[in-house]
Every structure is written in C-alpha cells, then in structure tokens.
N, C-alpha and C. Protein backbone atom coordinates (compact mmCIF):
# COMPACT_ATOMS: atom_id res chain seq x y z
N MET A 1 16.09 -62.89 -14.22
CA MET A 1 16.55 -62.77 -15.27
C MET A 1 17.42 -63.79 -14.95
N THR A 2 17.79 -64.21 -16.32
CA THR A 2 19.37 -65.78 -16.40
C THR A 2 20.69 -64.67 -16.46
N MET A 3 21.84 -65.26 -16.53
CA MET A 3 22.43 -64.56 -16.53
C MET A 3 23.60 -64.97 -17.75
N SER A 4 22.59 -65.87 -18.71
CA SER A 4 23.73 -65.73 -20.53
C SER A 4 23.64 -64.83 -20.62
N THR A 5 24.63 -64.40 -21.18
CA THR A 5 25.39 -63.63 -22.07
C THR A 5 25.29 -63.70 -23.83
N ARG A 6 24.76 -62.78 -24.74
CA ARG A 6 25.41 -62.57 -26.22
C ARG A 6 25.24 -61.22 -26.31
N ASP A 7 26.30 -60.76 -26.74
CA ASP A 7 26.22 -60.12 -27.76
C ASP A 7 26.19 -59.18 -26.81
N GLY A 8 26.68 -58.82 -26.21
CA GLY A 8 26.30 -57.85 -24.89
C GLY A 8 25.03 -57.64 -23.76
N LYS A 9 24.04 -58.65 -23.94
CA LYS A 9 22.11 -58.87 -23.67
C LYS A 9 22.57 -59.99 -22.99
N THR A 10 21.84 -59.89 -21.86
CA THR A 10 21.12 -60.66 -20.46
C THR A 10 19.62 -60.90 -21.31
N ARG A 11 19.43 -62.34 -21.03
CA ARG A 11 18.11 -62.68 -21.39
C ARG A 11 17.35 -62.30 -19.97
N HIS A 12 16.68 -61.76 -20.10
CA HIS A 12 15.34 -61.22 -19.37
C HIS A 12 13.93 -61.80 -19.85
N LEU A 13 13.62 -62.29 -18.63
CA LEU A 13 12.23 -62.67 -18.50
C LEU A 13 10.77 -61.61 -18.24
N VAL A 14 9.73 -61.96 -19.59
CA VAL A 14 9.05 -60.93 -19.84
C VAL A 14 7.73 -61.25 -19.58
N CYS A 15 6.56 -59.90 -18.76
CA CYS A 15 5.44 -60.20 -18.86
C CYS A 15 5.12 -59.24 -19.47
N HIS A 16 3.84 -59.40 -20.05
CA HIS A 16 2.98 -58.42 -20.45
C HIS A 16 1.09 -58.62 -19.50
N ASP A 17 1.42 -58.61 -18.60
CA ASP A 17 0.21 -58.45 -17.74
C ASP A 17 -0.80 -58.25 -17.96
N TYR A 18 -2.71 -58.82 -18.91
CA TYR A 18 -3.40 -57.57 -19.78
C TYR A 18 -4.97 -58.40 -18.39
N GLY A 19 -4.37 -58.17 -16.67
CA GLY A 19 -5.43 -58.39 -16.17
C GLY A 19 -5.67 -59.88 -15.39
N MET A 20 -6.42 -60.52 -16.70
CA MET A 20 -6.87 -62.45 -16.98
C MET A 20 -5.96 -63.18 -17.33
N GLY A 21 -4.75 -62.30 -17.69
CA GLY A 21 -3.27 -63.76 -17.80
C GLY A 21 -2.43 -62.22 -17.98
N GLY A 22 -1.63 -63.31 -18.95
CA GLY A 22 -0.44 -62.55 -19.47
C GLY A 22 0.04 -63.01 -20.81
N VAL A 23 0.93 -62.51 -21.27
CA VAL A 23 1.37 -63.78 -22.05
C VAL A 23 3.11 -63.19 -21.92
N TRP A 24 3.80 -63.86 -21.69
CA TRP A 24 5.73 -64.31 -21.32
C TRP A 24 6.37 -64.25 -22.96
N TRP A 25 7.24 -63.59 -22.55
CA TRP A 25 9.10 -63.64 -23.31
C TRP A 25 9.87 -64.34 -22.55
N TRP A 26 10.75 -65.11 -23.75
CA TRP A 26 12.50 -64.39 -22.99
C TRP A 26 12.64 -63.26 -23.72
N ILE A 27 13.56 -62.25 -23.79
CA ILE A 27 14.27 -61.29 -24.54
C ILE A 27 15.07 -60.44 -23.81
N TRP A 28 16.17 -60.96 -25.14
CA TRP A 28 17.21 -60.19 -24.98
C TRP A 28 17.18 -58.52 -24.85
N ALA A 29 18.50 -57.85 -23.97
CA ALA A 29 18.18 -56.46 -24.05
C ALA A 29 20.12 -56.33 -23.18
N ALA A 30 20.02 -55.29 -22.87
CA ALA A 30 21.43 -54.88 -22.19
C ALA A 30 20.98 -54.31 -21.41
N SER A 31 19.44 -53.85 -20.76
CA SER A 31 19.39 -54.16 -18.67
C SER A 31 17.49 -54.11 -19.41
N PRO A 32 17.38 -54.61 -18.13
CA PRO A 32 15.68 -54.22 -17.84
C PRO A 32 15.21 -53.38 -18.31
N GLU A 33 15.58 -52.16 -17.29
CA GLU A 33 15.33 -50.99 -18.38
C GLU A 33 14.69 -50.76 -19.85
N GLU A 34 16.11 -50.80 -21.14
CA GLU A 34 16.37 -51.25 -22.35
C GLU A 34 14.72 -52.43 -22.76
N VAL A 35 14.16 -53.29 -22.09
CA VAL A 35 13.06 -53.21 -22.01
C VAL A 35 11.85 -52.72 -22.32
N VAL A 36 11.78 -52.33 -20.65
CA VAL A 36 10.50 -51.86 -20.86
C VAL A 36 10.87 -50.41 -21.44
N THR A 37 11.38 -50.23 -22.22
CA THR A 37 11.58 -48.58 -22.35
C THR A 37 11.90 -49.01 -23.90
N THR A 38 11.06 -49.89 -24.81
CA THR A 38 10.64 -50.39 -26.17
C THR A 38 9.75 -51.23 -26.39
N PHE A 39 8.93 -52.16 -25.71
CA PHE A 39 7.54 -51.95 -25.26
C PHE A 39 6.68 -51.37 -24.28
N ALA A 40 5.46 -51.42 -24.18
CA ALA A 40 4.46 -50.66 -23.57
C ALA A 40 3.89 -51.99 -22.71
N GLU A 41 3.56 -51.50 -21.64
CA GLU A 41 2.73 -52.31 -20.72
C GLU A 41 3.68 -54.11 -20.63
N THR A 42 4.72 -53.78 -20.54
CA THR A 42 5.38 -54.70 -19.67
C THR A 42 6.36 -54.14 -18.18
N GLU A 43 6.28 -55.90 -17.96
CA GLU A 43 7.50 -55.69 -17.14
C GLU A 43 8.81 -57.07 -16.83
N VAL A 44 9.43 -56.90 -16.33
CA VAL A 44 11.12 -57.43 -16.06
C VAL A 44 10.41 -58.26 -14.66
N VAL A 45 10.34 -59.95 -15.37
CA VAL A 45 10.47 -60.05 -13.42
C VAL A 45 11.89 -60.26 -13.13
N THR A 46 11.80 -60.51 -12.63
CA THR A 46 13.23 -60.83 -11.09
C THR A 46 13.27 -61.57 -10.50
N ASP A 47 11.79 -62.33 -10.05
CA ASP A 47 12.11 -62.96 -8.96
C ASP A 47 13.04 -64.01 -9.35
N PRO A 48 13.83 -65.17 -8.37
CA PRO A 48 14.48 -66.29 -8.59
C PRO A 48 13.68 -66.83 -8.55
N GLU A 49 12.23 -67.11 -7.68
CA GLU A 49 11.78 -68.96 -8.28
C GLU A 49 10.52 -68.25 -8.65
N GLN A 50 10.32 -67.12 -9.42
CA GLN A 50 9.21 -67.35 -10.93
C GLN A 50 10.05 -67.63 -11.98
N VAL A 51 11.95 -67.32 -11.42
CA VAL A 51 12.32 -67.16 -13.11
C VAL A 51 12.92 -68.94 -13.81
N ALA A 52 13.15 -68.95 -12.46
CA ALA A 52 13.15 -70.74 -12.31
C ALA A 52 12.35 -71.63 -12.70
N LYS A 53 10.95 -71.30 -12.21
CA LYS A 53 9.77 -71.37 -12.53
C LYS A 53 9.66 -71.80 -15.00
N ALA A 54 10.27 -70.25 -14.74
CA ALA A 54 9.74 -70.12 -16.25
C ALA A 54 10.95 -71.18 -17.16
N GLU A 55 12.39 -71.54 -16.41
CA GLU A 55 13.00 -71.78 -17.78
C GLU A 55 12.27 -73.41 -18.27
N ASP A 56 11.64 -73.57 -17.34
CA ASP A 56 10.35 -75.09 -17.80
C ASP A 56 9.69 -74.74 -18.91
N TRP A 57 8.99 -73.38 -19.31
CA TRP A 57 7.84 -72.66 -20.04
C TRP A 57 8.36 -72.79 -21.50
N ASP A 58 7.51 -72.63 -21.97
CA ASP A 58 8.28 -73.26 -23.88
C ASP A 58 7.42 -71.37 -23.96
N LEU A 59 8.82 -70.78 -23.55
CA LEU A 59 8.57 -69.49 -23.51
C LEU A 59 9.30 -69.27 -25.50
N ASP A 60 8.80 -67.66 -26.23
CA ASP A 60 9.53 -68.00 -27.39
C ASP A 60 10.34 -66.68 -27.08
N GLU A 61 10.94 -66.82 -27.97
CA GLU A 61 12.69 -65.58 -26.90
C GLU A 61 12.80 -64.81 -28.18
N ALA A 62 13.11 -63.45 -27.85
CA ALA A 62 13.48 -62.16 -29.52
C ALA A 62 14.51 -61.68 -28.21
N ASP A 63 14.96 -60.98 -29.75
CA ASP A 63 15.76 -60.00 -29.22
C ASP A 63 15.67 -58.63 -29.06
N VAL A 64 15.58 -57.77 -28.59
CA VAL A 64 15.02 -56.06 -28.33
C VAL A 64 14.99 -55.50 -29.57
N ASP A 65 16.55 -55.67 -30.26
CA ASP A 65 16.52 -55.11 -31.23
C ASP A 65 16.07 -55.66 -32.21
N ASP A 66 15.49 -56.46 -32.60
CA ASP A 66 14.43 -57.70 -33.31
C ASP A 66 13.63 -58.78 -33.22
N PRO A 67 12.39 -58.14 -32.52
CA PRO A 67 11.34 -59.52 -32.00
C PRO A 67 11.70 -60.44 -32.84
N ALA A 68 10.82 -61.42 -32.64
CA ALA A 68 9.83 -62.33 -33.69
C ALA A 68 8.75 -61.15 -34.78
N ARG A 69 9.39 -61.74 -35.69
CA ARG A 69 8.39 -60.51 -36.64
C ARG A 69 7.02 -61.16 -36.97
N ASP A 70 7.13 -62.89 -36.15
CA ASP A 70 5.77 -63.57 -36.76
C ASP A 70 4.54 -63.19 -34.90
N ASP A 71 5.47 -62.29 -33.94
CA ASP A 71 4.95 -62.13 -32.70
C ASP A 71 4.26 -60.35 -32.82
N VAL A 72 2.18 -61.16 -33.17
CA VAL A 72 2.29 -59.92 -33.51
C VAL A 72 2.02 -59.24 -31.75
N SER A 73 1.62 -59.92 -30.89
CA SER A 73 1.73 -58.86 -29.88
C SER A 73 3.26 -58.84 -28.87
N LEU A 74 4.06 -58.40 -29.30
CA LEU A 74 5.49 -57.78 -28.97
C LEU A 74 5.71 -57.21 -30.02
N GLU A 75 5.17 -57.06 -31.30
CA GLU A 75 4.71 -55.99 -31.99
C GLU A 75 4.45 -54.40 -31.99
N SER A 76 3.08 -54.93 -31.95
CA SER A 76 1.81 -54.04 -31.71
C SER A 76 2.91 -53.23 -30.37
N LEU A 77 2.40 -54.01 -28.67
CA LEU A 77 3.58 -53.27 -28.06
C LEU A 77 5.56 -52.45 -28.26
N ARG A 78 5.75 -52.65 -28.91
CA ARG A 78 6.72 -52.28 -29.52
C ARG A 78 6.11 -50.64 -30.54
N ALA A 79 4.98 -50.42 -31.25
CA ALA A 79 4.52 -49.31 -32.06
C ALA A 79 3.56 -49.05 -30.72
N LYS A 80 3.91 -49.38 -30.02
CA LYS A 80 2.63 -48.80 -28.93
C LYS A 80 3.73 -47.90 -28.04
N ARG A 81 5.03 -48.16 -27.94
CA ARG A 81 5.85 -47.10 -27.49
C ARG A 81 6.54 -46.19 -28.34
N GLU A 82 6.90 -46.97 -29.47
CA GLU A 82 7.40 -46.11 -30.39
C GLU A 82 6.33 -44.37 -30.42
N ARG A 83 4.81 -45.07 -30.68
CA ARG A 83 4.38 -43.94 -30.58
C ARG A 83 4.53 -42.98 -28.95
N GLN A 84 4.04 -43.29 -27.94
CA GLN A 84 4.13 -43.08 -26.93
C GLN A 84 5.47 -41.94 -26.26
N ARG A 85 6.62 -42.87 -26.98
CA ARG A 85 7.86 -42.23 -27.12
C ARG A 85 8.06 -40.42 -27.70
N ARG A 86 7.28 -40.64 -28.41
CA ARG A 86 6.92 -39.12 -29.04
C ARG A 86 6.22 -38.35 -28.94
N LEU A 87 5.52 -38.46 -27.63
CA LEU A 87 4.90 -37.56 -26.95
C LEU A 87 5.81 -36.78 -25.62
N PRO A 88 5.29 -35.20 -25.20
CA PRO A 88 6.11 -35.20 -24.02
C PRO A 88 5.31 -35.52 -22.66
N GLY A 89 6.92 -35.91 -21.94
CA GLY A 89 6.25 -36.48 -20.64
C GLY A 89 6.40 -37.77 -20.65
N PHE A 90 6.67 -38.24 -21.90
CA PHE A 90 6.75 -40.28 -21.92
C PHE A 90 7.96 -40.13 -21.23
N GLY A 91 7.50 -41.37 -20.04
CA GLY A 91 8.21 -41.40 -18.71
C GLY A 91 8.61 -41.30 -17.33
N ALA A 92 7.76 -39.99 -17.45
CA ALA A 92 7.93 -39.04 -16.37
C ALA A 92 7.44 -39.56 -15.26
N LEU A 93 7.36 -40.60 -15.05
CA LEU A 93 6.62 -40.99 -13.98
C LEU A 93 7.47 -42.67 -13.13
N ALA A 94 8.18 -42.71 -14.24
CA ALA A 94 8.68 -43.90 -14.36
C ALA A 94 9.43 -43.66 -13.01
N GLY A 95 9.76 -44.64 -12.10
CA GLY A 95 10.81 -44.86 -11.18
C GLY A 95 10.44 -43.75 -10.39
N ARG A 96 9.51 -43.48 -9.63
CA ARG A 96 8.75 -42.92 -8.76
C ARG A 96 8.29 -43.42 -7.94
N GLU A 97 8.87 -43.80 -6.51
CA GLU A 97 8.04 -45.02 -5.57
C GLU A 97 6.71 -44.75 -5.42
N ARG A 98 6.32 -43.22 -5.70
CA ARG A 98 4.60 -43.84 -5.37
C ARG A 98 3.98 -42.57 -6.57
N VAL A 99 3.08 -42.70 -7.19
CA VAL A 99 2.61 -41.96 -8.10
C VAL A 99 0.83 -42.75 -7.59
N HIS A 100 -0.07 -41.16 -7.26
CA HIS A 100 -1.04 -41.36 -7.04
C HIS A 100 -2.34 -40.76 -8.31
N LEU A 101 -3.18 -41.20 -8.86
CA LEU A 101 -4.17 -40.61 -10.67
C LEU A 101 -5.07 -40.53 -9.24
N ARG A 102 -6.12 -39.56 -10.27
CA ARG A 102 -7.35 -39.84 -10.44
C ARG A 102 -7.84 -39.58 -12.32
N ALA A 103 -9.01 -40.47 -11.93
CA ALA A 103 -9.35 -40.59 -13.25
C ALA A 103 -10.93 -41.66 -12.82
N PRO A 104 -11.76 -40.83 -14.86
CA PRO A 104 -12.97 -41.58 -14.00
C PRO A 104 -13.05 -43.25 -14.67
N GLY A 105 -14.35 -43.33 -14.04
CA GLY A 105 -14.02 -45.00 -13.43
C GLY A 105 -14.47 -45.87 -14.88
N ASP A 106 -14.75 -44.96 -16.11
CA ASP A 106 -14.49 -45.57 -17.63
C ASP A 106 -13.58 -44.92 -18.50
N TRP A 107 -12.21 -44.86 -17.89
CA TRP A 107 -10.83 -44.18 -17.46
C TRP A 107 -9.95 -45.10 -17.90
N ASP A 108 -9.60 -46.24 -19.63
CA ASP A 108 -8.56 -47.16 -19.61
C ASP A 108 -7.65 -46.80 -19.39
N LEU A 109 -6.61 -47.00 -18.23
CA LEU A 109 -5.75 -46.55 -17.83
C LEU A 109 -4.43 -47.09 -18.79
N ASP A 110 -4.67 -47.91 -19.58
CA ASP A 110 -3.23 -47.86 -20.60
C ASP A 110 -3.79 -47.31 -21.92
N SER A 111 -4.74 -46.90 -21.86
CA SER A 111 -5.01 -45.12 -23.27
C SER A 111 -3.44 -44.81 -22.88
N GLU A 112 -3.97 -45.00 -24.52
CA GLU A 112 -2.88 -43.29 -25.08
C GLU A 112 -3.31 -41.59 -24.86
N ASP A 113 -4.07 -41.96 -24.87
CA ASP A 113 -5.62 -40.85 -25.37
C ASP A 113 -5.67 -40.37 -23.69
N PRO A 114 -4.89 -39.24 -23.08
CA PRO A 114 -5.40 -39.05 -21.74
C PRO A 114 -6.50 -38.72 -21.87
N ASP A 115 -7.70 -38.34 -23.09
CA ASP A 115 -8.98 -38.60 -23.05
C ASP A 115 -10.25 -40.60 -23.29
N GLY A 116 -9.10 -40.28 -23.60
CA GLY A 116 -9.81 -41.84 -24.00
C GLY A 116 -10.02 -42.96 -22.96
N ALA A 117 -12.09 -42.93 -23.16
CA ALA A 117 -12.64 -44.02 -22.10
C ALA A 117 -12.73 -45.37 -22.56
N GLY A 118 -12.71 -46.13 -20.88
CA GLY A 118 -13.42 -47.44 -21.45
C GLY A 118 -14.75 -47.70 -22.08
N ASP A 119 -14.70 -49.07 -21.38
CA ASP A 119 -17.01 -49.24 -21.78
C ASP A 119 -16.94 -50.51 -20.48
N ASP A 120 -16.28 -50.03 -19.51
CA ASP A 120 -17.03 -50.91 -17.84
C ASP A 120 -18.52 -50.31 -16.78
N GLY A 121 -18.72 -49.72 -18.19
CA GLY A 121 -19.69 -49.49 -16.68
C GLY A 121 -20.09 -48.43 -15.89
N PHE A 122 -18.63 -47.95 -15.63
CA PHE A 122 -18.45 -47.07 -13.97
C PHE A 122 -17.91 -45.30 -14.42
N ALA A 123 -18.70 -45.00 -15.82
CA ALA A 123 -19.12 -43.48 -16.30
C ALA A 123 -19.08 -42.35 -15.21
N ASP A 124 -19.56 -42.52 -14.03
CA ASP A 124 -20.11 -41.61 -12.96
C ASP A 124 -19.57 -41.90 -11.89
N TYR A 125 -18.19 -42.80 -11.93
CA TYR A 125 -17.35 -43.34 -10.49
C TYR A 125 -16.30 -42.09 -10.87
N VAL A 126 -15.38 -42.54 -9.91
CA VAL A 126 -13.96 -41.41 -9.51
C VAL A 126 -13.17 -42.68 -8.67
N PHE A 127 -11.48 -43.18 -9.30
CA PHE A 127 -11.40 -43.28 -8.69
C PHE A 127 -9.86 -42.76 -8.70
N LEU A 128 -9.06 -42.91 -7.63
CA LEU A 128 -8.40 -42.52 -7.13
C LEU A 128 -7.36 -43.43 -6.81
N THR A 129 -6.43 -43.70 -6.92
CA THR A 129 -5.02 -44.96 -7.32
C THR A 129 -3.77 -44.26 -6.54
N GLU A 130 -3.50 -44.85 -5.96
CA GLU A 130 -2.39 -45.32 -5.43
C GLU A 130 -0.76 -45.67 -6.04
N HIS A 131 -0.43 -45.85 -6.98
CA HIS A 131 1.03 -47.13 -7.04
C HIS A 131 2.43 -46.86 -7.07
N GLY A 132 3.22 -48.03 -7.51
CA GLY A 132 4.17 -48.27 -6.41
C GLY A 132 5.01 -48.06 -7.86
N PRO A 133 6.47 -48.04 -7.29
CA PRO A 133 7.48 -48.28 -8.69
C PRO A 133 6.92 -49.56 -9.39
N ASP A 134 6.53 -50.42 -9.40
CA ASP A 134 6.47 -51.65 -10.33
C ASP A 134 5.02 -50.86 -10.81
N GLY A 135 4.37 -50.49 -11.50
CA GLY A 135 3.36 -49.79 -11.38
C GLY A 135 1.46 -50.19 -11.03
N ARG A 136 2.46 -51.11 -9.99
CA ARG A 136 0.76 -51.72 -9.53
C ARG A 136 0.21 -50.93 -8.18
N ARG A 137 -1.39 -50.89 -8.48
CA ARG A 137 -2.45 -50.49 -6.73
C ARG A 137 -1.36 -51.40 -5.99
N ILE A 138 -1.65 -49.40 -4.59
CA ILE A 138 -1.21 -50.49 -3.71
C ILE A 138 -2.72 -50.05 -2.90
N ARG A 139 -3.12 -48.19 -2.79
CA ARG A 139 -4.51 -48.24 -2.21
C ARG A 139 -5.78 -47.96 -3.59
N GLN A 140 -6.82 -47.60 -3.27
CA GLN A 140 -7.65 -46.94 -4.02
C GLN A 140 -8.87 -46.83 -3.44
N VAL A 141 -9.65 -45.42 -4.23
CA VAL A 141 -10.51 -44.83 -3.29
C VAL A 141 -11.50 -44.85 -3.81
N GLU A 142 -12.66 -45.31 -4.63
CA GLU A 142 -14.28 -45.26 -5.16
C GLU A 142 -14.70 -44.31 -4.77
N ILE A 143 -15.00 -43.69 -5.44
CA ILE A 143 -16.11 -41.70 -5.76
C ILE A 143 -17.08 -42.41 -6.30
N ARG A 144 -18.17 -43.15 -5.80
CA ARG A 144 -19.68 -43.41 -6.36
C ARG A 144 -20.26 -42.08 -7.07
N PRO A 145 -21.77 -42.82 -7.87
CA PRO A 145 -21.96 -40.53 -8.53
C PRO A 145 -23.01 -40.32 -6.84
N ASP A 146 -22.96 -41.48 -5.73
CA ASP A 146 -23.85 -40.69 -4.95
C ASP A 146 -22.60 -39.85 -3.93
N GLY A 147 -21.37 -39.73 -4.63
CA GLY A 147 -20.67 -39.12 -3.75
C GLY A 147 -20.07 -40.18 -2.46
N GLU A 148 -20.51 -41.40 -2.01
CA GLU A 148 -20.00 -42.12 -1.47
C GLU A 148 -18.96 -42.55 -1.91
N ALA A 149 -17.94 -42.99 -0.83
CA ALA A 149 -15.86 -42.87 -1.04
C ALA A 149 -15.59 -44.04 -0.19
N VAL A 150 -15.01 -44.97 -0.59
CA VAL A 150 -14.95 -46.60 -0.84
C VAL A 150 -13.78 -46.88 -0.92
N ALA A 151 -12.48 -46.76 -0.01
CA ALA A 151 -11.25 -47.56 0.19
C ALA A 151 -10.84 -49.29 0.37
N SER A 152 -9.66 -49.51 -0.34
CA SER A 152 -9.66 -50.83 -1.11
C SER A 152 -8.10 -50.82 -1.14
N ASP A 153 -7.48 -52.18 -1.20
CA ASP A 153 -6.50 -52.16 -1.35
C ASP A 153 -6.29 -53.95 -1.79
N GLU A 154 -5.12 -54.08 -1.83
CA GLU A 154 -4.36 -55.56 -2.52
C GLU A 154 -5.16 -56.26 -2.16
N THR A 155 -5.52 -56.88 -0.78
CA THR A 155 -6.78 -57.55 0.10
C THR A 155 -7.92 -57.67 -0.93
N VAL A 156 -8.49 -56.35 -1.48
CA VAL A 156 -9.61 -56.66 -2.04
C VAL A 156 -9.54 -57.35 -3.01
N TRP A 157 -8.28 -57.16 -3.81
CA TRP A 157 -8.42 -56.93 -5.42
C TRP A 157 -8.00 -58.48 -6.18
N PRO A 158 -8.59 -59.35 -6.30
CA PRO A 158 -8.35 -60.26 -7.50
C PRO A 158 -7.55 -60.51 -8.11
N LEU A 159 -7.53 -59.70 -9.38
CA LEU A 159 -6.62 -58.74 -10.14
C LEU A 159 -5.60 -57.48 -9.98
N ASN A 160 -4.64 -57.03 -10.50
CA ASN A 160 -4.00 -56.50 -9.52
C ASN A 160 -2.71 -55.78 -10.90
N PRO A 161 -3.42 -56.42 -12.39
CA PRO A 161 -1.95 -55.70 -13.55
C PRO A 161 -1.81 -54.05 -12.82
N PRO A 162 0.11 -54.60 -13.30
CA PRO A 162 0.30 -52.80 -13.43
C PRO A 162 -0.25 -51.72 -14.79
N VAL A 163 0.08 -50.50 -14.02
CA VAL A 163 0.05 -49.53 -15.46
C VAL A 163 0.77 -49.20 -15.29
N ASP A 164 1.68 -48.65 -16.72
CA ASP A 164 2.40 -48.80 -17.50
C ASP A 164 2.48 -47.16 -17.44
N LEU A 165 3.89 -46.99 -16.22
CA LEU A 165 4.26 -45.59 -15.59
C LEU A 165 4.84 -44.98 -16.85
N TYR A 166 5.72 -45.24 -17.86
CA TYR A 166 6.10 -44.74 -18.93
C TYR A 166 4.94 -44.00 -19.67
N ASN A 167 3.77 -44.15 -20.16
CA ASN A 167 2.59 -43.54 -20.48
C ASN A 167 2.20 -41.76 -20.60
N PRO A 168 2.91 -41.67 -21.54
CA PRO A 168 2.46 -39.64 -21.38
C PRO A 168 1.32 -40.03 -20.81
N ALA A 169 0.53 -40.72 -20.78
CA ALA A 169 -1.74 -40.24 -21.22
C ALA A 169 -1.74 -40.09 -19.51
N LEU A 170 -1.10 -40.73 -18.59
CA LEU A 170 -1.46 -40.75 -17.31
C LEU A 170 -1.18 -39.28 -16.63
N LEU A 171 -0.48 -38.20 -17.14
CA LEU A 171 0.13 -37.34 -16.43
C LEU A 171 -1.28 -36.05 -16.42
N PRO A 172 -1.78 -35.90 -16.47
CA PRO A 172 -3.11 -35.25 -16.55
C PRO A 172 -3.76 -35.62 -15.06
N LYS A 173 -3.74 -37.27 -15.53
CA LYS A 173 -4.98 -38.05 -14.57
C LYS A 173 -3.81 -37.47 -12.77
N VAL A 174 -2.61 -37.36 -12.66
CA VAL A 174 -1.43 -37.02 -11.60
C VAL A 174 -1.92 -36.07 -10.86
N ILE A 175 -2.38 -37.08 -9.19
CA ILE A 175 -2.64 -35.78 -8.38
C ILE A 175 -1.33 -36.01 -7.36
N ASP A 176 -1.54 -35.07 -6.14
CA ASP A 176 -0.28 -34.80 -4.99
C ASP A 176 -0.95 -35.74 -3.65
N ALA A 177 -0.14 -36.70 -3.32
CA ALA A 177 -0.31 -37.89 -2.44
C ALA A 177 -1.24 -36.85 -1.22
N ALA A 178 -0.87 -35.92 -1.16
CA ALA A 178 -1.76 -35.26 -0.18
C ALA A 178 -3.91 -35.14 -0.39
N GLU A 179 -4.13 -35.50 -1.56
CA GLU A 179 -5.52 -35.21 -1.74
C GLU A 179 -6.08 -36.53 -2.03
N PHE A 180 -4.79 -37.97 -2.51
CA PHE A 180 -5.35 -38.88 -2.00
C PHE A 180 -5.81 -39.07 -0.43
N GLU A 181 -4.21 -38.72 -0.02
CA GLU A 181 -4.69 -39.45 1.54
C GLU A 181 -5.83 -38.51 2.48
N GLU A 182 -6.08 -37.42 1.78
CA GLU A 182 -7.75 -36.54 2.44
C GLU A 182 -8.59 -37.62 1.63
N ALA A 183 -8.87 -38.15 0.76
CA ALA A 183 -9.84 -38.67 0.42
C ALA A 183 -10.03 -40.05 1.00
N TRP A 184 -8.23 -41.35 1.12
CA TRP A 184 -8.65 -42.71 2.12
C TRP A 184 -9.04 -42.24 3.10
N ARG A 185 -8.36 -41.30 4.22
CA ARG A 185 -8.52 -40.47 5.16
C ARG A 185 -10.67 -41.20 5.58
N ARG A 186 -11.31 -40.21 4.74
CA ARG A 186 -12.54 -39.88 5.02
C ARG A 186 -13.43 -40.83 4.08
N ALA A 187 -13.18 -42.09 3.25
CA ALA A 187 -13.66 -43.22 2.82
C ALA A 187 -14.10 -44.24 3.67
N ARG A 188 -14.86 -45.52 3.72
CA ARG A 188 -14.99 -46.29 5.03
C ARG A 188 -14.00 -47.19 4.12
N PHE A 189 -13.76 -48.16 4.83
CA PHE A 189 -13.27 -49.56 3.77
C PHE A 189 -14.13 -50.41 3.20
N TRP A 190 -14.06 -50.97 1.79
CA TRP A 190 -14.40 -52.44 1.27
C TRP A 190 -14.50 -52.90 2.73
N THR A 191 -16.14 -53.67 1.99
CA THR A 191 -17.09 -54.90 2.63
C THR A 191 -16.87 -55.26 1.04
N ASP A 192 -18.03 -57.07 1.59
CA ASP A 192 -17.78 -57.98 1.02
C ASP A 192 -19.30 -57.82 0.33
N ALA A 193 -19.97 -57.20 0.98
CA ALA A 193 -21.70 -56.02 0.50
C ALA A 193 -21.08 -55.62 -0.60
N ASP A 194 -19.89 -55.34 -0.97
CA ASP A 194 -19.47 -54.00 -2.31
C ASP A 194 -19.74 -54.49 -3.45
N TRP A 195 -19.10 -56.27 -3.14
CA TRP A 195 -19.60 -57.22 -4.61
C TRP A 195 -20.26 -57.10 -5.60
N ASP A 196 -21.79 -56.69 -4.57
CA ASP A 196 -23.20 -56.56 -4.93
C ASP A 196 -23.18 -55.40 -5.54
C-alpha cells in the first residue's frame, strides 16, 4: 500500500492469485477490507518489498466505486462478490485465525455452489485443509480412495493460492480443529514418490 490519498481513499496493491499466476491492479479504496469485500478472490498486498517492486510495473488503476469498465476480470470479480453478498453466511469465515475444511477432491474451493464440482480427476479423494487468515493452506490431509491418509504442508506444494474466506459456499465444508488434527496425526507425510 502506498500512502497516496485522494477523496479519502488510499491506493492499494491488489492481486487475484489463481494459482498458475495472478492479475494485479492498483485500487483506490478507503481500506483493504473495502477492496476484499467488493471484489471476490482478491487480496491486498501489504509487504513493503512487494509494493515497492510493483511501483515499477505498468498496472491498471481502478477506484473501488468505479472500476475500469473495460477490465472484464475486475468486473467479473465484483459481480461474483455481489452475488455472494446476498447469500447467508457471507464473510463468516473471514478474520478467523484458522479455518479447517473437508471437501471432496473434485470440489472447486472458489465455487459459489456448495455442491459445485471441479474436474481434476480426484472425485474419489477427500481433502482436509487448514487455512490461515489470508486463506492460504497451512497443512493438508489427502484421504485417498483406499483410505490411506497423506499429510502435506507448504514445503510440498508448488502453488498455494488463497481460498476466499468471504465465500459463503465454504460454510458447509467447515470442520472443527479436532477432526483435522486427528486426521493429521494418523496420516503419513508426503514423499517424492507421491508425485507419481
């Protein structure tokens, strides 16, 4: 975030991290919270080193109240957030120190549908995940079709995009910490052979 202000707003560095890359903007808003409650699947980047690097990038700028109308990505994230905001439980997981989820392996964690399935070939798997307040996974237990449980953490994952904790579709997937910890305790840790 830079300390530039205009009309009571501050310019924030914002990223939509989709795993294999990200889309970045400067967005003028009253607060970081205003950004993430206006645009789904975004995060405000506050790391001074990252912000300094971004100053040299040729990023689009938008105002939270009137984003660039030709920016389809930003407008689609706004529309998604507006739909989510109308649903019960919007934002219920945001701000929690830890969030534990249990989801079938083919469920898309960014889906707006609590029963929405992705298509990644893991339909017979179950994933128990632990997320920090930024939505990023901290630990994970993969329960395979044969019942084997394999634990992993960020030392194993090449990508770790955040889950949008404002998304109300996550609520039915929430489990308590004890269930996660029991699965973590029983699981063996990931090895290089698991990449096969």
